[in-house]
mmCIF file of all heavy atoms, coordinates in Angstrom:
data_MODEL
# 
_entry.id   MODEL 
# 
loop_
_atom_site.group_PDB 
_atom_site.id 
_atom_site.type_symbol 
_atom_site.label_atom_id 
_atom_site.label_alt_id 
_atom_site.label_comp_id 
_atom_site.label_asym_id 
_atom_site.label_entity_id 
_atom_site.label_seq_id 
_atom_site.pdbx_PDB_ins_code 
_atom_site.Cartn_x 
_atom_site.Cartn_y 
_atom_site.Cartn_z 
_atom_site.occupancy 
_atom_site.B_iso_or_equiv 
_atom_site.pdbx_formal_charge 
_atom_site.auth_seq_id 
_atom_site.auth_comp_id 
_atom_site.auth_asym_id 
_atom_site.auth_atom_id 
_atom_site.pdbx_PDB_model_num 
ATOM 1   N N   . ARG A 1 1  ? -5.390  23.861 28.974 1.00 0.00 ? 1  ARG A N   1 
ATOM 2   C CA  . ARG A 1 1  ? -4.900  23.056 30.088 1.00 0.00 ? 1  ARG A CA  1 
ATOM 3   C C   . ARG A 1 1  ? -4.283  23.944 31.162 1.00 0.00 ? 1  ARG A C   1 
ATOM 4   O O   . ARG A 1 1  ? -4.519  23.757 32.350 1.00 0.00 ? 1  ARG A O   1 
ATOM 5   C CB  . ARG A 1 1  ? -3.867  22.042 29.594 1.00 0.00 ? 1  ARG A CB  1 
ATOM 6   C CG  . ARG A 1 1  ? -3.415  21.072 30.660 1.00 0.00 ? 1  ARG A CG  1 
ATOM 7   C CD  . ARG A 1 1  ? -2.368  20.081 30.181 1.00 0.00 ? 1  ARG A CD  1 
ATOM 8   N NE  . ARG A 1 1  ? -2.725  19.413 28.956 1.00 0.00 ? 1  ARG A NE  1 
ATOM 9   C CZ  . ARG A 1 1  ? -1.993  19.447 27.837 1.00 0.00 ? 1  ARG A CZ  1 
ATOM 10  N NH1 . ARG A 1 1  ? -0.862  20.126 27.793 1.00 0.00 ? 1  ARG A NH1 1 
ATOM 11  N NH2 . ARG A 1 1  ? -2.374  18.794 26.766 1.00 0.00 ? 1  ARG A NH2 1 
ATOM 12  N N   . GLU A 1 2  ? -3.484  24.936 30.725 1.00 0.00 ? 2  GLU A N   1 
ATOM 13  C CA  . GLU A 1 2  ? -2.872  25.850 31.692 1.00 0.00 ? 2  GLU A CA  1 
ATOM 14  C C   . GLU A 1 2  ? -3.934  26.654 32.440 1.00 0.00 ? 2  GLU A C   1 
ATOM 15  O O   . GLU A 1 2  ? -3.814  26.891 33.636 1.00 0.00 ? 2  GLU A O   1 
ATOM 16  C CB  . GLU A 1 2  ? -1.912  26.800 30.976 1.00 0.00 ? 2  GLU A CB  1 
ATOM 17  C CG  . GLU A 1 2  ? -0.630  26.141 30.542 1.00 0.00 ? 2  GLU A CG  1 
ATOM 18  C CD  . GLU A 1 2  ? 0.266   27.084 29.773 1.00 0.00 ? 2  GLU A CD  1 
ATOM 19  O OE1 . GLU A 1 2  ? 0.007   28.310 29.774 1.00 0.00 ? 2  GLU A OE1 1 
ATOM 20  O OE2 . GLU A 1 2  ? 1.235   26.605 29.179 1.00 0.00 ? 2  GLU A OE2 1 
ATOM 21  N N   . LYS A 1 3  ? -4.965  27.071 31.712 1.00 0.00 ? 3  LYS A N   1 
ATOM 22  C CA  . LYS A 1 3  ? -6.044  27.836 32.340 1.00 0.00 ? 3  LYS A CA  1 
ATOM 23  C C   . LYS A 1 3  ? -6.770  26.977 33.377 1.00 0.00 ? 3  LYS A C   1 
ATOM 24  O O   . LYS A 1 3  ? -7.058  27.419 34.485 1.00 0.00 ? 3  LYS A O   1 
ATOM 25  C CB  . LYS A 1 3  ? -7.025  28.310 31.273 1.00 0.00 ? 3  LYS A CB  1 
ATOM 26  C CG  . LYS A 1 3  ? -8.051  29.298 31.777 1.00 0.00 ? 3  LYS A CG  1 
ATOM 27  C CD  . LYS A 1 3  ? -8.825  29.899 30.634 1.00 0.00 ? 3  LYS A CD  1 
ATOM 28  C CE  . LYS A 1 3  ? -10.124 29.149 30.462 1.00 0.00 ? 3  LYS A CE  1 
ATOM 29  N NZ  . LYS A 1 3  ? -11.018 29.734 29.465 1.00 0.00 ? 3  LYS A NZ  1 
ATOM 30  N N   . ASN A 1 4  ? -7.039  25.720 33.020 1.00 0.00 ? 4  ASN A N   1 
ATOM 31  C CA  . ASN A 1 4  ? -7.726  24.812 33.942 1.00 0.00 ? 4  ASN A CA  1 
ATOM 32  C C   . ASN A 1 4  ? -6.844  24.453 35.127 1.00 0.00 ? 4  ASN A C   1 
ATOM 33  O O   . ASN A 1 4  ? -7.324  24.341 36.247 1.00 0.00 ? 4  ASN A O   1 
ATOM 34  C CB  . ASN A 1 4  ? -8.167  23.542 33.219 1.00 0.00 ? 4  ASN A CB  1 
ATOM 35  C CG  . ASN A 1 4  ? -9.284  23.809 32.235 1.00 0.00 ? 4  ASN A CG  1 
ATOM 36  O OD1 . ASN A 1 4  ? -9.990  24.802 32.335 1.00 0.00 ? 4  ASN A OD1 1 
ATOM 37  N ND2 . ASN A 1 4  ? -9.422  22.922 31.267 1.00 0.00 ? 4  ASN A ND2 1 
ATOM 38  N N   . GLU A 1 5  ? -5.542  24.270 34.878 1.00 0.00 ? 5  GLU A N   1 
ATOM 39  C CA  . GLU A 1 5  ? -4.636  23.947 35.973 1.00 0.00 ? 5  GLU A CA  1 
ATOM 40  C C   . GLU A 1 5  ? -4.451  25.147 36.891 1.00 0.00 ? 5  GLU A C   1 
ATOM 41  O O   . GLU A 1 5  ? -4.235  24.994 38.077 1.00 0.00 ? 5  GLU A O   1 
ATOM 42  C CB  . GLU A 1 5  ? -3.286  23.478 35.432 1.00 0.00 ? 5  GLU A CB  1 
ATOM 43  C CG  . GLU A 1 5  ? -3.339  22.094 34.846 1.00 0.00 ? 5  GLU A CG  1 
ATOM 44  C CD  . GLU A 1 5  ? -2.011  21.663 34.252 1.00 0.00 ? 5  GLU A CD  1 
ATOM 45  O OE1 . GLU A 1 5  ? -1.046  22.464 34.264 1.00 0.00 ? 5  GLU A OE1 1 
ATOM 46  O OE2 . GLU A 1 5  ? -1.940  20.538 33.765 1.00 0.00 ? 5  GLU A OE2 1 
ATOM 47  N N   . GLY A 1 6  ? -4.554  26.360 36.310 1.00 0.00 ? 6  GLY A N   1 
ATOM 48  C CA  . GLY A 1 6  ? -4.452  27.570 37.120 1.00 0.00 ? 6  GLY A CA  1 
ATOM 49  C C   . GLY A 1 6  ? -5.582  27.641 38.132 1.00 0.00 ? 6  GLY A C   1 
ATOM 50  O O   . GLY A 1 6  ? -5.398  28.055 39.265 1.00 0.00 ? 6  GLY A O   1 
ATOM 51  N N   . ALA A 1 7  ? -6.769  27.222 37.719 1.00 0.00 ? 7  ALA A N   1 
ATOM 52  C CA  . ALA A 1 7  ? -7.913  27.208 38.624 1.00 0.00 ? 7  ALA A CA  1 
ATOM 53  C C   . ALA A 1 7  ? -7.752  26.132 39.688 1.00 0.00 ? 7  ALA A C   1 
ATOM 54  O O   . ALA A 1 7  ? -8.173  26.305 40.829 1.00 0.00 ? 7  ALA A O   1 
ATOM 55  C CB  . ALA A 1 7  ? -9.197  26.981 37.839 1.00 0.00 ? 7  ALA A CB  1 
ATOM 56  N N   . ASP A 1 8  ? -7.118  25.017 39.311 1.00 0.00 ? 8  ASP A N   1 
ATOM 57  C CA  . ASP A 1 8  ? -6.916  23.922 40.255 1.00 0.00 ? 8  ASP A CA  1 
ATOM 58  C C   . ASP A 1 8  ? -5.683  24.121 41.124 1.00 0.00 ? 8  ASP A C   1 
ATOM 59  O O   . ASP A 1 8  ? -5.498  23.401 42.108 1.00 0.00 ? 8  ASP A O   1 
ATOM 60  C CB  . ASP A 1 8  ? -6.776  22.591 39.510 1.00 0.00 ? 8  ASP A CB  1 
ATOM 61  C CG  . ASP A 1 8  ? -8.057  22.200 38.806 1.00 0.00 ? 8  ASP A CG  1 
ATOM 62  O OD1 . ASP A 1 8  ? -9.126  22.720 39.206 1.00 0.00 ? 8  ASP A OD1 1 
ATOM 63  O OD2 . ASP A 1 8  ? -7.999  21.397 37.850 1.00 0.00 ? 8  ASP A OD2 1 
ATOM 64  N N   . ALA A 1 9  ? -4.820  25.066 40.782 1.00 0.00 ? 9  ALA A N   1 
ATOM 65  C CA  . ALA A 1 9  ? -3.566  25.250 41.522 1.00 0.00 ? 9  ALA A CA  1 
ATOM 66  C C   . ALA A 1 9  ? -3.824  25.637 42.973 1.00 0.00 ? 9  ALA A C   1 
ATOM 67  O O   . ALA A 1 9  ? -3.019  25.330 43.852 1.00 0.00 ? 9  ALA A O   1 
ATOM 68  C CB  . ALA A 1 9  ? -2.704  26.307 40.845 1.00 0.00 ? 9  ALA A CB  1 
ATOM 69  N N   . LEU A 1 10 ? -4.917  26.306 43.218 1.00 0.00 ? 10 LEU A N   1 
ATOM 70  C CA  . LEU A 1 10 ? -5.229  26.680 44.594 1.00 0.00 ? 10 LEU A CA  1 
ATOM 71  C C   . LEU A 1 10 ? -5.575  25.474 45.437 1.00 0.00 ? 10 LEU A C   1 
ATOM 72  O O   . LEU A 1 10 ? -5.374  25.481 46.650 1.00 0.00 ? 10 LEU A O   1 
ATOM 73  C CB  . LEU A 1 10 ? -6.391  27.679 44.603 1.00 0.00 ? 10 LEU A CB  1 
ATOM 74  C CG  . LEU A 1 10 ? -6.157  28.996 43.855 1.00 0.00 ? 10 LEU A CG  1 
ATOM 75  C CD1 . LEU A 1 10 ? -7.458  29.807 43.833 1.00 0.00 ? 10 LEU A CD1 1 
ATOM 76  C CD2 . LEU A 1 10 ? -5.037  29.778 44.508 1.00 0.00 ? 10 LEU A CD2 1 
ATOM 77  N N   . GLU A 1 11 ? -6.066  24.417 44.788 1.00 0.00 ? 11 GLU A N   1 
ATOM 78  C CA  . GLU A 1 11 ? -6.514  23.242 45.519 1.00 0.00 ? 11 GLU A CA  1 
ATOM 79  C C   . GLU A 1 11 ? -5.416  22.213 45.744 1.00 0.00 ? 11 GLU A C   1 
ATOM 80  O O   . GLU A 1 11 ? -5.459  21.449 46.688 1.00 0.00 ? 11 GLU A O   1 
ATOM 81  C CB  . GLU A 1 11 ? -7.665  22.577 44.767 1.00 0.00 ? 11 GLU A CB  1 
ATOM 82  C CG  . GLU A 1 11 ? -8.873  23.476 44.626 1.00 0.00 ? 11 GLU A CG  1 
ATOM 83  C CD  . GLU A 1 11 ? -9.942  22.850 43.743 1.00 0.00 ? 11 GLU A CD  1 
ATOM 84  O OE1 . GLU A 1 11 ? -9.821  21.655 43.427 1.00 0.00 ? 11 GLU A OE1 1 
ATOM 85  O OE2 . GLU A 1 11 ? -10.879 23.554 43.372 1.00 0.00 ? 11 GLU A OE2 1 
ATOM 86  N N   . CYS A 1 12 ? -4.435  22.156 44.818 1.00 0.00 ? 12 CYS A N   1 
ATOM 87  C CA  . CYS A 1 12 ? -3.407  21.125 44.963 1.00 0.00 ? 12 CYS A CA  1 
ATOM 88  C C   . CYS A 1 12 ? -2.028  21.699 44.674 1.00 0.00 ? 12 CYS A C   1 
ATOM 89  O O   . CYS A 1 12 ? -1.874  22.738 44.058 1.00 0.00 ? 12 CYS A O   1 
ATOM 90  C CB  . CYS A 1 12 ? -3.696  19.940 44.047 1.00 0.00 ? 12 CYS A CB  1 
ATOM 91  S SG  . CYS A 1 12 ? -3.593  20.364 42.308 1.00 0.00 ? 12 CYS A SG  1 
ATOM 92  N N   . GLU A 1 13 ? -1.016  20.969 45.091 1.00 0.00 ? 13 GLU A N   1 
ATOM 93  C CA  . GLU A 1 13 ? 0.359   21.384 44.913 1.00 0.00 ? 13 GLU A CA  1 
ATOM 94  C C   . GLU A 1 13 ? 0.889   20.828 43.596 1.00 0.00 ? 13 GLU A C   1 
ATOM 95  O O   . GLU A 1 13 ? 0.579   19.700 43.209 1.00 0.00 ? 13 GLU A O   1 
ATOM 96  C CB  . GLU A 1 13 ? 1.187   20.842 46.081 1.00 0.00 ? 13 GLU A CB  1 
ATOM 97  C CG  . GLU A 1 13 ? 2.602   21.356 46.117 1.00 0.00 ? 13 GLU A CG  1 
ATOM 98  C CD  . GLU A 1 13 ? 3.309   20.887 47.376 1.00 0.00 ? 13 GLU A CD  1 
ATOM 99  O OE1 . GLU A 1 13 ? 2.683   20.877 48.439 1.00 0.00 ? 13 GLU A OE1 1 
ATOM 100 O OE2 . GLU A 1 13 ? 4.484   20.528 47.255 1.00 0.00 ? 13 GLU A OE2 1 
ATOM 101 N N   . VAL A 1 14 ? 1.718   21.594 42.897 1.00 0.00 ? 14 VAL A N   1 
ATOM 102 C CA  . VAL A 1 14 ? 2.283   21.152 41.625 1.00 0.00 ? 14 VAL A CA  1 
ATOM 103 C C   . VAL A 1 14 ? 3.289   20.052 41.893 1.00 0.00 ? 14 VAL A C   1 
ATOM 104 O O   . VAL A 1 14 ? 4.178   20.190 42.723 1.00 0.00 ? 14 VAL A O   1 
ATOM 105 C CB  . VAL A 1 14 ? 2.956   22.334 40.889 1.00 0.00 ? 14 VAL A CB  1 
ATOM 106 C CG1 . VAL A 1 14 ? 3.602   21.863 39.608 1.00 0.00 ? 14 VAL A CG1 1 
ATOM 107 C CG2 . VAL A 1 14 ? 1.933   23.424 40.618 1.00 0.00 ? 14 VAL A CG2 1 
ATOM 108 N N   . GLY A 1 15 ? 3.167   18.940 41.126 1.00 0.00 ? 15 GLY A N   1 
ATOM 109 C CA  . GLY A 1 15 ? 4.051   17.809 41.315 1.00 0.00 ? 15 GLY A CA  1 
ATOM 110 C C   . GLY A 1 15 ? 4.781   17.447 40.039 1.00 0.00 ? 15 GLY A C   1 
ATOM 111 O O   . GLY A 1 15 ? 4.717   18.151 39.035 1.00 0.00 ? 15 GLY A O   1 
ATOM 112 N N   . VAL A 1 16 ? 5.456   16.334 40.067 1.00 0.00 ? 16 VAL A N   1 
ATOM 113 C CA  . VAL A 1 16 ? 6.243   15.870 38.929 1.00 0.00 ? 16 VAL A CA  1 
ATOM 114 C C   . VAL A 1 16 ? 5.353   15.550 37.735 1.00 0.00 ? 16 VAL A C   1 
ATOM 115 O O   . VAL A 1 16 ? 5.716   15.781 36.594 1.00 0.00 ? 16 VAL A O   1 
ATOM 116 C CB  . VAL A 1 16 ? 7.066   14.625 39.334 1.00 0.00 ? 16 VAL A CB  1 
ATOM 117 C CG1 . VAL A 1 16 ? 7.838   14.090 38.151 1.00 0.00 ? 16 VAL A CG1 1 
ATOM 118 C CG2 . VAL A 1 16 ? 8.000   14.966 40.475 1.00 0.00 ? 16 VAL A CG2 1 
ATOM 119 N N   . ALA A 1 17 ? 4.187   15.037 37.937 1.00 0.00 ? 17 ALA A N   1 
ATOM 120 C CA  . ALA A 1 17 ? 3.302   14.607 36.858 1.00 0.00 ? 17 ALA A CA  1 
ATOM 121 C C   . ALA A 1 17 ? 2.767   15.769 36.030 1.00 0.00 ? 17 ALA A C   1 
ATOM 122 O O   . ALA A 1 17 ? 2.262   15.572 34.947 1.00 0.00 ? 17 ALA A O   1 
ATOM 123 C CB  . ALA A 1 17 ? 2.136   13.808 37.428 1.00 0.00 ? 17 ALA A CB  1 
ATOM 124 N N   . THR A 1 18 ? 2.900   17.000 36.511 1.00 0.00 ? 18 THR A N   1 
ATOM 125 C CA  . THR A 1 18 ? 2.366   18.152 35.782 1.00 0.00 ? 18 THR A CA  1 
ATOM 126 C C   . THR A 1 18 ? 3.378   18.763 34.827 1.00 0.00 ? 18 THR A C   1 
ATOM 127 O O   . THR A 1 18 ? 3.155   19.836 34.295 1.00 0.00 ? 18 THR A O   1 
ATOM 128 C CB  . THR A 1 18 ? 1.865   19.224 36.760 1.00 0.00 ? 18 THR A CB  1 
ATOM 129 O OG1 . THR A 1 18 ? 2.965   19.645 37.556 1.00 0.00 ? 18 THR A OG1 1 
ATOM 130 C CG2 . THR A 1 18 ? 0.733   18.706 37.602 1.00 0.00 ? 18 THR A CG2 1 
ATOM 131 N N   . SER A 1 19 ? 4.507   18.116 34.568 1.00 0.00 ? 19 SER A N   1 
ATOM 132 C CA  . SER A 1 19 ? 5.522   18.664 33.682 1.00 0.00 ? 19 SER A CA  1 
ATOM 133 C C   . SER A 1 19 ? 5.181   18.478 32.209 1.00 0.00 ? 19 SER A C   1 
ATOM 134 O O   . SER A 1 19 ? 5.952   18.848 31.354 1.00 0.00 ? 19 SER A O   1 
ATOM 135 C CB  . SER A 1 19 ? 6.876   18.018 33.972 1.00 0.00 ? 19 SER A CB  1 
ATOM 136 O OG  . SER A 1 19 ? 6.816   16.645 33.661 1.00 0.00 ? 19 SER A OG  1 
ATOM 137 N N   . LYS A 1 20 ? 4.019   17.919 31.912 1.00 0.00 ? 20 LYS A N   1 
ATOM 138 C CA  . LYS A 1 20 ? 3.614   17.675 30.536 1.00 0.00 ? 20 LYS A CA  1 
ATOM 139 C C   . LYS A 1 20 ? 3.581   18.956 29.713 1.00 0.00 ? 20 LYS A C   1 
ATOM 140 O O   . LYS A 1 20 ? 3.922   18.961 28.538 1.00 0.00 ? 20 LYS A O   1 
ATOM 141 C CB  . LYS A 1 20 ? 2.250   16.990 30.502 1.00 0.00 ? 20 LYS A CB  1 
ATOM 142 C CG  . LYS A 1 20 ? 1.799   16.573 29.137 1.00 0.00 ? 20 LYS A CG  1 
ATOM 143 C CD  . LYS A 1 20 ? 0.494   15.805 29.212 1.00 0.00 ? 20 LYS A CD  1 
ATOM 144 C CE  . LYS A 1 20 ? 0.077   15.326 27.846 1.00 0.00 ? 20 LYS A CE  1 
ATOM 145 N NZ  . LYS A 1 20 ? -1.172  14.585 27.894 1.00 0.00 ? 20 LYS A NZ  1 
ATOM 146 N N   . LYS A 1 21 ? 3.187   20.061 30.308 1.00 0.00 ? 21 LYS A N   1 
ATOM 147 C CA  . LYS A 1 21 ? 3.094   21.314 29.566 1.00 0.00 ? 21 LYS A CA  1 
ATOM 148 C C   . LYS A 1 21 ? 4.467   21.848 29.182 1.00 0.00 ? 21 LYS A C   1 
ATOM 149 O O   . LYS A 1 21 ? 4.570   22.684 28.301 1.00 0.00 ? 21 LYS A O   1 
ATOM 150 C CB  . LYS A 1 21 ? 2.314   22.348 30.363 1.00 0.00 ? 21 LYS A CB  1 
ATOM 151 C CG  . LYS A 1 21 ? 2.971   22.793 31.645 1.00 0.00 ? 21 LYS A CG  1 
ATOM 152 C CD  . LYS A 1 21 ? 2.098   23.782 32.364 1.00 0.00 ? 21 LYS A CD  1 
ATOM 153 C CE  . LYS A 1 21 ? 2.702   24.118 33.720 1.00 0.00 ? 21 LYS A CE  1 
ATOM 154 N NZ  . LYS A 1 21 ? 1.847   24.960 34.490 1.00 0.00 ? 21 LYS A NZ  1 
ATOM 155 N N   . ASN A 1 22 ? 5.517   21.367 29.804 1.00 0.00 ? 22 ASN A N   1 
ATOM 156 C CA  . ASN A 1 22 ? 6.869   21.820 29.489 1.00 0.00 ? 22 ASN A CA  1 
ATOM 157 C C   . ASN A 1 22 ? 7.467   21.089 28.286 1.00 0.00 ? 22 ASN A C   1 
ATOM 158 O O   . ASN A 1 22 ? 8.456   21.539 27.742 1.00 0.00 ? 22 ASN A O   1 
ATOM 159 C CB  . ASN A 1 22 ? 7.789   21.648 30.701 1.00 0.00 ? 22 ASN A CB  1 
ATOM 160 C CG  . ASN A 1 22 ? 7.344   22.517 31.855 1.00 0.00 ? 22 ASN A CG  1 
ATOM 161 O OD1 . ASN A 1 22 ? 6.752   23.568 31.654 1.00 0.00 ? 22 ASN A OD1 1 
ATOM 162 N ND2 . ASN A 1 22 ? 7.620   22.072 33.066 1.00 0.00 ? 22 ASN A ND2 1 
ATOM 163 N N   . ARG A 1 23 ? 6.886   19.972 27.913 1.00 0.00 ? 23 ARG A N   1 
ATOM 164 C CA  . ARG A 1 23 ? 7.407   19.197 26.780 1.00 0.00 ? 23 ARG A CA  1 
ATOM 165 C C   . ARG A 1 23 ? 6.749   19.662 25.487 1.00 0.00 ? 23 ARG A C   1 
ATOM 166 O O   . ARG A 1 23 ? 5.533   19.788 25.423 1.00 0.00 ? 23 ARG A O   1 
ATOM 167 C CB  . ARG A 1 23 ? 7.128   17.706 26.972 1.00 0.00 ? 23 ARG A CB  1 
ATOM 168 C CG  . ARG A 1 23 ? 7.945   17.095 28.086 1.00 0.00 ? 23 ARG A CG  1 
ATOM 169 C CD  . ARG A 1 23 ? 7.652   15.638 28.194 1.00 0.00 ? 23 ARG A CD  1 
ATOM 170 N NE  . ARG A 1 23 ? 6.380   15.506 28.926 1.00 0.00 ? 23 ARG A NE  1 
ATOM 171 C CZ  . ARG A 1 23 ? 5.598   14.438 28.912 1.00 0.00 ? 23 ARG A CZ  1 
ATOM 172 N NH1 . ARG A 1 23 ? 5.926   13.409 28.196 1.00 0.00 ? 23 ARG A NH1 1 
ATOM 173 N NH2 . ARG A 1 23 ? 4.486   14.408 29.604 1.00 0.00 ? 23 ARG A NH2 1 
ATOM 174 N N   . PRO A 1 24 ? 7.545   19.902 24.433 1.00 0.00 ? 24 PRO A N   1 
ATOM 175 C CA  . PRO A 1 24 ? 6.943   20.296 23.151 1.00 0.00 ? 24 PRO A CA  1 
ATOM 176 C C   . PRO A 1 24 ? 6.260   19.096 22.487 1.00 0.00 ? 24 PRO A C   1 
ATOM 177 O O   . PRO A 1 24 ? 6.732   17.969 22.590 1.00 0.00 ? 24 PRO A O   1 
ATOM 178 C CB  . PRO A 1 24 ? 8.134   20.766 22.328 1.00 0.00 ? 24 PRO A CB  1 
ATOM 179 C CG  . PRO A 1 24 ? 9.311   20.058 22.910 1.00 0.00 ? 24 PRO A CG  1 
ATOM 180 C CD  . PRO A 1 24 ? 9.003   19.869 24.378 1.00 0.00 ? 24 PRO A CD  1 
ATOM 181 N N   . THR A 1 25 ? 5.162   19.358 21.819 1.00 0.00 ? 25 THR A N   1 
ATOM 182 C CA  . THR A 1 25 ? 4.450   18.318 21.092 1.00 0.00 ? 25 THR A CA  1 
ATOM 183 C C   . THR A 1 25 ? 4.901   18.368 19.645 1.00 0.00 ? 25 THR A C   1 
ATOM 184 O O   . THR A 1 25 ? 5.018   19.443 19.065 1.00 0.00 ? 25 THR A O   1 
ATOM 185 C CB  . THR A 1 25 ? 2.932   18.545 21.168 1.00 0.00 ? 25 THR A CB  1 
ATOM 186 O OG1 . THR A 1 25 ? 2.570   18.633 22.549 1.00 0.00 ? 25 THR A OG1 1 
ATOM 187 C CG2 . THR A 1 25 ? 2.175   17.416 20.525 1.00 0.00 ? 25 THR A CG2 1 
ATOM 188 N N   . SER A 1 26 ? 5.168   17.212 19.064 1.00 0.00 ? 26 SER A N   1 
ATOM 189 C CA  . SER A 1 26 ? 5.617   17.177 17.673 1.00 0.00 ? 26 SER A CA  1 
ATOM 190 C C   . SER A 1 26 ? 5.071   15.930 16.991 1.00 0.00 ? 26 SER A C   1 
ATOM 191 O O   . SER A 1 26 ? 4.538   15.032 17.641 1.00 0.00 ? 26 SER A O   1 
ATOM 192 C CB  . SER A 1 26 ? 7.141   17.190 17.610 1.00 0.00 ? 26 SER A CB  1 
ATOM 193 O OG  . SER A 1 26 ? 7.662   16.027 18.220 1.00 0.00 ? 26 SER A OG  1 
ATOM 194 N N   . ALA A 1 27 ? 5.204   15.909 15.672 1.00 0.00 ? 27 ALA A N   1 
ATOM 195 C CA  . ALA A 1 27 ? 4.783   14.759 14.877 1.00 0.00 ? 27 ALA A CA  1 
ATOM 196 C C   . ALA A 1 27 ? 5.891   14.441 13.875 1.00 0.00 ? 27 ALA A C   1 
ATOM 197 O O   . ALA A 1 27 ? 6.460   15.362 13.267 1.00 0.00 ? 27 ALA A O   1 
ATOM 198 C CB  . ALA A 1 27 ? 3.485   15.060 14.147 1.00 0.00 ? 27 ALA A CB  1 
# 
């Protein structure tokens, strides 16, 4: 996801909705 977002970062500005990668995933 980070790799794909890195490619898209040139096209769009980082917003609030992209904070998903900062949250840890757990079960």
